[in-house]
Every structure is written in C-alpha cells, then in structure tokens.
Amino acid sequence: MSLILRINLPFILTGLLGACAIIALLMRVLPPHILRRLGLILLLPGPGLALALARTHIGPGWLEGALIAPAVVFPNCATLLTLPPGTTRAAVGLGADLPTRLRLIWFPLLLPSAFLSLLLAIVFCVACALLDHP
C-alpha cells in the first residue's frame, strides 16, 4: 500500500498545486459573483470525477489532482469573498503593522477554512492514490 502512495501521490499533488495556482489567478481576475458560481459548479462533480477516474485508471494522475482543487480552494475562497472590503484598510488606518494584521485579522479568519482545506486535500489525495492501483 505504501508503494501505491509513493507512485501515484506525487502526480496527484502536482495537479492539485497547479490547479490551485490557476484558481488563485482567477480569483484576482474574475469578479466575486462569478467566482462563487464557478466554485459551486465545479465543487460537487470535481472530486467525484477524480475518484471515478482513479477507480477506472483513465487519465493521468495530475488530472485527478486538478479535479480535486476546487473542493480544496472553495472554503478559503468563500471566506475571502465574505470578508468586508475595508477590514485591512481600517486596521492600517488604526496603525496596525503587517504582523499585527496577520495575527489579529487574517489568521483568525482563515485558520478554520485553511484547516478544512488541508483536511479535504489529504483525504481526497490519499483516496485517489489508493484507488488508482491496478
């Protein structure tokens, strides 16, 4: 079983990281209402299709990782999209430097969604790697 993880997991993680980078670029370009709809459209069928591809051994491993990426990025994206737009600006106006803003604003806001994203990434990547053995 550990040989299966060593063979398949690097390809799945490569696809996951590449797709997360593409989604991060889309977050900078697209407006929030389009991002929400796109995230919801890709959220449900993506991981299911990744697990189906892993089970049937069709397609490269990086494709499975790319299909998992919307489920991993969506919790963080939803948290960032619901943040009031003037939060950081108000903190800067009150004299908060970067470490203080990170410690008091960004980490408490993003920690629960980052933990959920990490948990989803681990579960889906290991499940795809285990299902992808002949």
N, C-alpha and C. Protein backbone atom coordinates (compact mmCIF):
# COMPACT_ATOMS: atom_id res chain seq x y z
N MET A 1 0.82 -1.19 0.00
CA MET A 1 0.00 0.00 0.00
C MET A 1 0.86 1.26 0.00
N SER A 2 1.99 1.27 0.71
CA SER A 2 2.84 2.46 0.72
C SER A 2 3.50 2.67 -0.64
N LEU A 3 3.75 1.59 -1.41
CA LEU A 3 4.29 1.73 -2.75
C LEU A 3 3.30 2.43 -3.66
N ILE A 4 2.02 2.13 -3.51
CA ILE A 4 0.98 2.79 -4.30
C ILE A 4 0.96 4.28 -4.01
N LEU A 5 1.08 4.65 -2.73
CA LEU A 5 1.10 6.07 -2.37
C LEU A 5 2.32 6.76 -2.93
N ARG A 6 3.48 6.09 -2.91
CA ARG A 6 4.70 6.71 -3.43
C ARG A 6 4.66 6.88 -4.93
N ILE A 7 3.97 6.00 -5.64
CA ILE A 7 3.92 6.08 -7.10
C ILE A 7 2.92 7.12 -7.57
N ASN A 8 1.72 7.14 -7.01
CA ASN A 8 0.64 7.98 -7.52
C ASN A 8 0.55 9.35 -6.87
N LEU A 9 0.92 9.46 -5.62
CA LEU A 9 0.70 10.69 -4.89
C LEU A 9 1.46 11.90 -5.46
N PRO A 10 2.70 11.79 -5.92
CA PRO A 10 3.36 12.97 -6.48
C PRO A 10 2.64 13.55 -7.70
N PHE A 11 2.10 12.71 -8.55
CA PHE A 11 1.38 13.21 -9.72
C PHE A 11 0.09 13.90 -9.32
N ILE A 12 -0.61 13.34 -8.35
CA ILE A 12 -1.85 13.93 -7.88
C ILE A 12 -1.57 15.28 -7.21
N LEU A 13 -0.52 15.36 -6.41
CA LEU A 13 -0.18 16.61 -5.74
C LEU A 13 0.28 17.68 -6.74
N THR A 14 0.97 17.27 -7.80
CA THR A 14 1.38 18.22 -8.84
C THR A 14 0.17 18.84 -9.52
N GLY A 15 -0.80 18.03 -9.86
CA GLY A 15 -2.03 18.54 -10.46
C GLY A 15 -2.80 19.42 -9.51
N LEU A 16 -2.83 19.05 -8.24
CA LEU A 16 -3.54 19.84 -7.23
C LEU A 16 -2.90 21.21 -7.07
N LEU A 17 -1.58 21.26 -6.95
CA LEU A 17 -0.90 22.55 -6.79
C LEU A 17 -1.02 23.42 -8.03
N GLY A 18 -0.91 22.82 -9.20
CA GLY A 18 -1.06 23.59 -10.44
C GLY A 18 -2.46 24.18 -10.59
N ALA A 19 -3.47 23.38 -10.29
CA ALA A 19 -4.85 23.88 -10.39
C ALA A 19 -5.14 24.92 -9.33
N CYS A 20 -4.57 24.77 -8.14
CA CYS A 20 -4.75 25.80 -7.10
C CYS A 20 -4.12 27.12 -7.53
N ALA A 21 -2.98 27.06 -8.21
CA ALA A 21 -2.35 28.28 -8.71
C ALA A 21 -3.22 28.94 -9.77
N ILE A 22 -3.82 28.15 -10.64
CA ILE A 22 -4.70 28.71 -11.67
C ILE A 22 -5.94 29.33 -11.03
N ILE A 23 -6.49 28.68 -10.02
CA ILE A 23 -7.66 29.22 -9.33
C ILE A 23 -7.30 30.51 -8.60
N ALA A 24 -6.09 30.58 -8.03
CA ALA A 24 -5.66 31.81 -7.37
C ALA A 24 -5.55 32.96 -8.37
N LEU A 25 -5.06 32.67 -9.58
CA LEU A 25 -5.02 33.71 -10.61
C LEU A 25 -6.42 34.13 -11.02
N LEU A 26 -7.33 33.19 -11.13
CA LEU A 26 -8.72 33.53 -11.48
C LEU A 26 -9.37 34.36 -10.38
N MET A 27 -8.99 34.14 -9.13
CA MET A 27 -9.55 34.93 -8.04
C MET A 27 -9.13 36.40 -8.15
N ARG A 28 -7.97 36.65 -8.73
CA ARG A 28 -7.51 38.03 -8.90
C ARG A 28 -8.18 38.71 -10.08
N VAL A 29 -8.66 37.93 -11.06
CA VAL A 29 -9.18 38.49 -12.31
C VAL A 29 -10.70 38.58 -12.31
N LEU A 30 -11.37 37.52 -11.90
CA LEU A 30 -12.83 37.45 -12.02
C LEU A 30 -13.53 38.17 -10.88
N PRO A 31 -14.72 38.71 -11.14
CA PRO A 31 -15.49 39.32 -10.05
C PRO A 31 -16.03 38.26 -9.09
N PRO A 32 -16.35 38.67 -7.85
CA PRO A 32 -16.76 37.70 -6.82
C PRO A 32 -18.01 36.90 -7.17
N HIS A 33 -19.01 37.50 -7.80
CA HIS A 33 -20.23 36.74 -8.08
C HIS A 33 -19.98 35.63 -9.11
N ILE A 34 -19.08 35.85 -10.04
CA ILE A 34 -18.73 34.79 -11.00
C ILE A 34 -17.91 33.71 -10.31
N LEU A 35 -17.01 34.10 -9.41
CA LEU A 35 -16.21 33.12 -8.68
C LEU A 35 -17.08 32.20 -7.83
N ARG A 36 -18.09 32.75 -7.18
CA ARG A 36 -18.98 31.92 -6.36
C ARG A 36 -19.71 30.89 -7.22
N ARG A 37 -20.25 31.34 -8.35
CA ARG A 37 -20.98 30.41 -9.23
C ARG A 37 -20.05 29.35 -9.81
N LEU A 38 -18.88 29.77 -10.26
CA LEU A 38 -17.92 28.83 -10.83
C LEU A 38 -17.47 27.82 -9.78
N GLY A 39 -17.24 28.29 -8.56
CA GLY A 39 -16.83 27.38 -7.48
C GLY A 39 -17.90 26.36 -7.16
N LEU A 40 -19.15 26.80 -7.12
CA LEU A 40 -20.24 25.86 -6.82
C LEU A 40 -20.48 24.88 -7.96
N ILE A 41 -20.28 25.34 -9.20
CA ILE A 41 -20.46 24.44 -10.35
C ILE A 41 -19.39 23.34 -10.34
N LEU A 42 -18.15 23.69 -9.98
CA LEU A 42 -17.06 22.73 -10.01
C LEU A 42 -16.89 21.96 -8.70
N LEU A 43 -17.54 22.42 -7.64
CA LEU A 43 -17.31 21.82 -6.32
C LEU A 43 -17.78 20.38 -6.23
N LEU A 44 -18.98 20.09 -6.65
CA LEU A 44 -19.51 18.74 -6.48
C LEU A 44 -19.02 17.72 -7.50
N PRO A 45 -19.05 18.02 -8.80
CA PRO A 45 -18.62 16.97 -9.73
C PRO A 45 -17.11 16.75 -9.78
N GLY A 46 -16.31 17.73 -9.37
CA GLY A 46 -14.86 17.59 -9.46
C GLY A 46 -14.29 16.42 -8.68
N PRO A 47 -14.46 16.39 -7.35
CA PRO A 47 -13.91 15.26 -6.59
C PRO A 47 -14.54 13.92 -6.95
N GLY A 48 -15.83 13.91 -7.27
CA GLY A 48 -16.46 12.66 -7.69
C GLY A 48 -15.86 12.12 -8.97
N LEU A 49 -15.62 13.01 -9.92
CA LEU A 49 -15.00 12.60 -11.17
C LEU A 49 -13.55 12.16 -10.95
N ALA A 50 -12.85 12.83 -10.03
CA ALA A 50 -11.47 12.43 -9.72
C ALA A 50 -11.43 11.02 -9.14
N LEU A 51 -12.35 10.73 -8.23
CA LEU A 51 -12.39 9.38 -7.65
C LEU A 51 -12.81 8.34 -8.69
N ALA A 52 -13.71 8.72 -9.61
CA ALA A 52 -14.12 7.79 -10.66
C ALA A 52 -12.97 7.53 -11.63
N LEU A 53 -12.22 8.57 -11.98
CA LEU A 53 -11.06 8.38 -12.87
C LEU A 53 -10.00 7.51 -12.20
N ALA A 54 -9.80 7.72 -10.90
CA ALA A 54 -8.82 6.91 -10.18
C ALA A 54 -9.24 5.46 -10.15
N ARG A 55 -10.53 5.22 -9.97
CA ARG A 55 -11.02 3.84 -9.89
C ARG A 55 -10.94 3.11 -11.23
N THR A 56 -11.18 3.85 -12.33
CA THR A 56 -11.16 3.22 -13.64
C THR A 56 -9.80 3.29 -14.33
N HIS A 57 -8.83 3.96 -13.70
CA HIS A 57 -7.46 4.08 -14.22
C HIS A 57 -7.42 4.78 -15.58
N ILE A 58 -8.31 5.75 -15.78
CA ILE A 58 -8.32 6.52 -17.03
C ILE A 58 -7.70 7.87 -16.75
N GLY A 59 -6.84 8.32 -17.61
CA GLY A 59 -6.26 9.65 -17.50
C GLY A 59 -5.04 9.68 -16.60
N PRO A 60 -4.26 10.76 -16.74
CA PRO A 60 -3.05 10.90 -15.91
C PRO A 60 -3.39 11.28 -14.47
N GLY A 61 -2.45 11.09 -13.58
CA GLY A 61 -2.66 11.39 -12.16
C GLY A 61 -2.83 12.87 -11.88
N TRP A 62 -2.18 13.72 -12.66
CA TRP A 62 -2.30 15.15 -12.41
C TRP A 62 -3.72 15.65 -12.67
N LEU A 63 -4.46 14.95 -13.56
CA LEU A 63 -5.84 15.35 -13.83
C LEU A 63 -6.72 15.12 -12.60
N GLU A 64 -6.45 14.05 -11.86
CA GLU A 64 -7.20 13.80 -10.63
C GLU A 64 -6.94 14.92 -9.62
N GLY A 65 -5.70 15.34 -9.51
CA GLY A 65 -5.37 16.44 -8.60
C GLY A 65 -6.03 17.75 -9.02
N ALA A 66 -6.09 18.00 -10.33
CA ALA A 66 -6.73 19.21 -10.82
C ALA A 66 -8.23 19.19 -10.56
N LEU A 67 -8.84 18.03 -10.59
CA LEU A 67 -10.27 17.93 -10.31
C LEU A 67 -10.58 18.07 -8.82
N ILE A 68 -9.62 17.77 -7.98
CA ILE A 68 -9.80 17.91 -6.53
C ILE A 68 -9.66 19.38 -6.11
N ALA A 69 -8.91 20.16 -6.86
CA ALA A 69 -8.55 21.53 -6.47
C ALA A 69 -9.74 22.43 -6.13
N PRO A 70 -10.85 22.43 -6.88
CA PRO A 70 -11.95 23.32 -6.48
C PRO A 70 -12.51 23.02 -5.09
N ALA A 71 -12.55 21.77 -4.71
CA ALA A 71 -13.04 21.42 -3.37
C ALA A 71 -12.07 21.87 -2.29
N VAL A 72 -10.79 21.92 -2.63
CA VAL A 72 -9.78 22.34 -1.65
C VAL A 72 -9.74 23.86 -1.52
N VAL A 73 -9.91 24.57 -2.62
CA VAL A 73 -9.79 26.02 -2.61
C VAL A 73 -11.09 26.71 -2.18
N PHE A 74 -12.23 26.07 -2.39
CA PHE A 74 -13.51 26.71 -2.16
C PHE A 74 -13.70 27.23 -0.73
N PRO A 75 -13.33 26.50 0.34
CA PRO A 75 -13.52 27.08 1.68
C PRO A 75 -12.74 28.37 1.90
N ASN A 76 -11.50 28.42 1.44
CA ASN A 76 -10.71 29.65 1.58
C ASN A 76 -11.28 30.77 0.73
N CYS A 77 -11.69 30.45 -0.47
CA CYS A 77 -12.27 31.45 -1.37
C CYS A 77 -13.56 32.01 -0.78
N ALA A 78 -14.40 31.17 -0.22
CA ALA A 78 -15.64 31.64 0.37
C ALA A 78 -15.37 32.55 1.56
N THR A 79 -14.36 32.24 2.36
CA THR A 79 -14.00 33.09 3.49
C THR A 79 -13.50 34.44 3.02
N LEU A 80 -12.65 34.44 1.99
CA LEU A 80 -12.11 35.70 1.49
C LEU A 80 -13.19 36.56 0.82
N LEU A 81 -14.15 35.92 0.16
CA LEU A 81 -15.20 36.68 -0.51
C LEU A 81 -16.20 37.29 0.47
N THR A 82 -16.35 36.71 1.66
CA THR A 82 -17.28 37.26 2.63
C THR A 82 -16.64 38.30 3.55
N LEU A 83 -15.35 38.51 3.42
CA LEU A 83 -14.65 39.49 4.24
C LEU A 83 -15.09 40.90 3.84
N PRO A 84 -15.43 41.75 4.80
CA PRO A 84 -15.77 43.13 4.45
C PRO A 84 -14.58 43.82 3.78
N PRO A 85 -14.82 44.60 2.74
CA PRO A 85 -13.72 45.14 1.95
C PRO A 85 -12.80 46.10 2.67
N GLY A 86 -13.25 46.78 3.71
CA GLY A 86 -12.40 47.78 4.35
C GLY A 86 -11.70 47.30 5.60
N THR A 87 -11.67 46.01 5.85
CA THR A 87 -11.10 45.49 7.09
C THR A 87 -9.61 45.81 7.21
N THR A 88 -8.84 45.48 6.20
CA THR A 88 -7.41 45.74 6.24
C THR A 88 -7.12 47.23 6.22
N ARG A 89 -7.87 47.96 5.43
CA ARG A 89 -7.68 49.41 5.35
C ARG A 89 -7.96 50.07 6.70
N ALA A 90 -8.99 49.60 7.39
CA ALA A 90 -9.29 50.14 8.72
C ALA A 90 -8.18 49.82 9.71
N ALA A 91 -7.63 48.62 9.63
CA ALA A 91 -6.54 48.24 10.53
C ALA A 91 -5.29 49.08 10.25
N VAL A 92 -5.01 49.35 8.98
CA VAL A 92 -3.87 50.20 8.64
C VAL A 92 -4.12 51.62 9.15
N GLY A 93 -5.35 52.09 9.01
CA GLY A 93 -5.69 53.42 9.49
C GLY A 93 -5.56 53.55 11.00
N LEU A 94 -5.76 52.46 11.72
CA LEU A 94 -5.61 52.48 13.17
C LEU A 94 -4.18 52.23 13.62
N GLY A 95 -3.27 52.04 12.66
CA GLY A 95 -1.85 51.92 13.00
C GLY A 95 -1.34 50.50 13.14
N ALA A 96 -2.07 49.51 12.66
CA ALA A 96 -1.62 48.12 12.76
C ALA A 96 -0.60 47.83 11.66
N ASP A 97 0.55 47.29 12.06
CA ASP A 97 1.55 46.91 11.06
C ASP A 97 1.22 45.51 10.52
N LEU A 98 2.02 45.04 9.57
CA LEU A 98 1.72 43.76 8.91
C LEU A 98 1.66 42.58 9.87
N PRO A 99 2.62 42.38 10.77
CA PRO A 99 2.50 41.24 11.69
C PRO A 99 1.24 41.30 12.57
N THR A 100 0.87 42.49 12.98
CA THR A 100 -0.34 42.63 13.80
C THR A 100 -1.58 42.31 13.00
N ARG A 101 -1.64 42.77 11.75
CA ARG A 101 -2.79 42.45 10.90
C ARG A 101 -2.88 40.96 10.65
N LEU A 102 -1.74 40.33 10.40
CA LEU A 102 -1.75 38.87 10.18
C LEU A 102 -2.23 38.14 11.42
N ARG A 103 -1.71 38.54 12.57
CA ARG A 103 -2.02 37.84 13.82
C ARG A 103 -3.46 38.07 14.28
N LEU A 104 -3.96 39.29 14.11
CA LEU A 104 -5.27 39.61 14.67
C LEU A 104 -6.43 39.57 13.68
N ILE A 105 -6.13 39.65 12.38
CA ILE A 105 -7.21 39.64 11.39
C ILE A 105 -7.17 38.40 10.52
N TRP A 106 -6.06 38.21 9.81
CA TRP A 106 -6.04 37.17 8.77
C TRP A 106 -5.97 35.75 9.33
N PHE A 107 -5.11 35.49 10.32
CA PHE A 107 -5.03 34.13 10.85
C PHE A 107 -6.32 33.66 11.51
N PRO A 108 -6.97 34.48 12.36
CA PRO A 108 -8.25 34.00 12.93
C PRO A 108 -9.34 33.80 11.88
N LEU A 109 -9.33 34.60 10.82
CA LEU A 109 -10.35 34.44 9.79
C LEU A 109 -10.11 33.21 8.92
N LEU A 110 -8.85 32.97 8.56
CA LEU A 110 -8.55 31.92 7.59
C LEU A 110 -8.17 30.58 8.22
N LEU A 111 -7.91 30.53 9.51
CA LEU A 111 -7.47 29.28 10.11
C LEU A 111 -8.51 28.15 10.01
N PRO A 112 -9.79 28.37 10.33
CA PRO A 112 -10.74 27.25 10.19
C PRO A 112 -10.90 26.77 8.75
N SER A 113 -10.97 27.70 7.80
CA SER A 113 -11.12 27.27 6.41
C SER A 113 -9.83 26.65 5.87
N ALA A 114 -8.68 27.12 6.32
CA ALA A 114 -7.42 26.50 5.89
C ALA A 114 -7.29 25.09 6.45
N PHE A 115 -7.74 24.88 7.68
CA PHE A 115 -7.72 23.53 8.26
C PHE A 115 -8.65 22.60 7.50
N LEU A 116 -9.84 23.09 7.14
CA LEU A 116 -10.77 22.29 6.35
C LEU A 116 -10.19 21.97 4.97
N SER A 117 -9.55 22.94 4.35
CA SER A 117 -8.94 22.72 3.04
C SER A 117 -7.83 21.69 3.11
N LEU A 118 -7.00 21.79 4.13
CA LEU A 118 -5.92 20.81 4.30
C LEU A 118 -6.48 19.42 4.53
N LEU A 119 -7.52 19.30 5.33
CA LEU A 119 -8.14 18.01 5.59
C LEU A 119 -8.74 17.42 4.31
N LEU A 120 -9.44 18.25 3.54
CA LEU A 120 -10.01 17.78 2.27
C LEU A 120 -8.92 17.35 1.29
N ALA A 121 -7.84 18.12 1.22
CA ALA A 121 -6.74 17.77 0.32
C ALA A 121 -6.13 16.43 0.69
N ILE A 122 -5.89 16.21 1.96
CA ILE A 122 -5.30 14.95 2.41
C ILE A 122 -6.22 13.78 2.11
N VAL A 123 -7.48 13.93 2.45
CA VAL A 123 -8.44 12.83 2.26
C VAL A 123 -8.59 12.49 0.78
N PHE A 124 -8.82 13.50 -0.06
CA PHE A 124 -9.03 13.23 -1.48
C PHE A 124 -7.77 12.72 -2.17
N CYS A 125 -6.60 13.27 -1.84
CA CYS A 125 -5.37 12.81 -2.49
C CYS A 125 -5.04 11.37 -2.11
N VAL A 126 -5.17 11.03 -0.83
CA VAL A 126 -4.90 9.66 -0.41
C VAL A 126 -5.94 8.70 -0.99
N ALA A 127 -7.20 9.13 -1.04
CA ALA A 127 -8.25 8.26 -1.60
C ALA A 127 -7.98 8.01 -3.09
N CYS A 128 -7.62 9.05 -3.84
CA CYS A 128 -7.31 8.86 -5.27
C CYS A 128 -6.09 7.98 -5.46
N ALA A 129 -5.07 8.17 -4.62
CA ALA A 129 -3.86 7.37 -4.76
C ALA A 129 -4.14 5.90 -4.43
N LEU A 130 -4.97 5.66 -3.43
CA LEU A 130 -5.29 4.27 -3.08
C LEU A 130 -6.19 3.59 -4.10
N LEU A 131 -7.10 4.37 -4.70
CA LEU A 131 -7.99 3.79 -5.70
C LEU A 131 -7.31 3.58 -7.04
N ASP A 132 -6.18 4.20 -7.25
CA ASP A 132 -5.52 4.18 -8.55
C ASP A 132 -4.51 3.04 -8.70
N HIS A 133 -4.64 2.00 -7.93
CA HIS A 133 -3.73 0.87 -8.12
C HIS A 133 -4.42 -0.19 -8.99
N PRO A 134 -3.64 -0.85 -9.84
CA PRO A 134 -4.23 -1.84 -10.75
C PRO A 134 -4.64 -3.13 -10.06
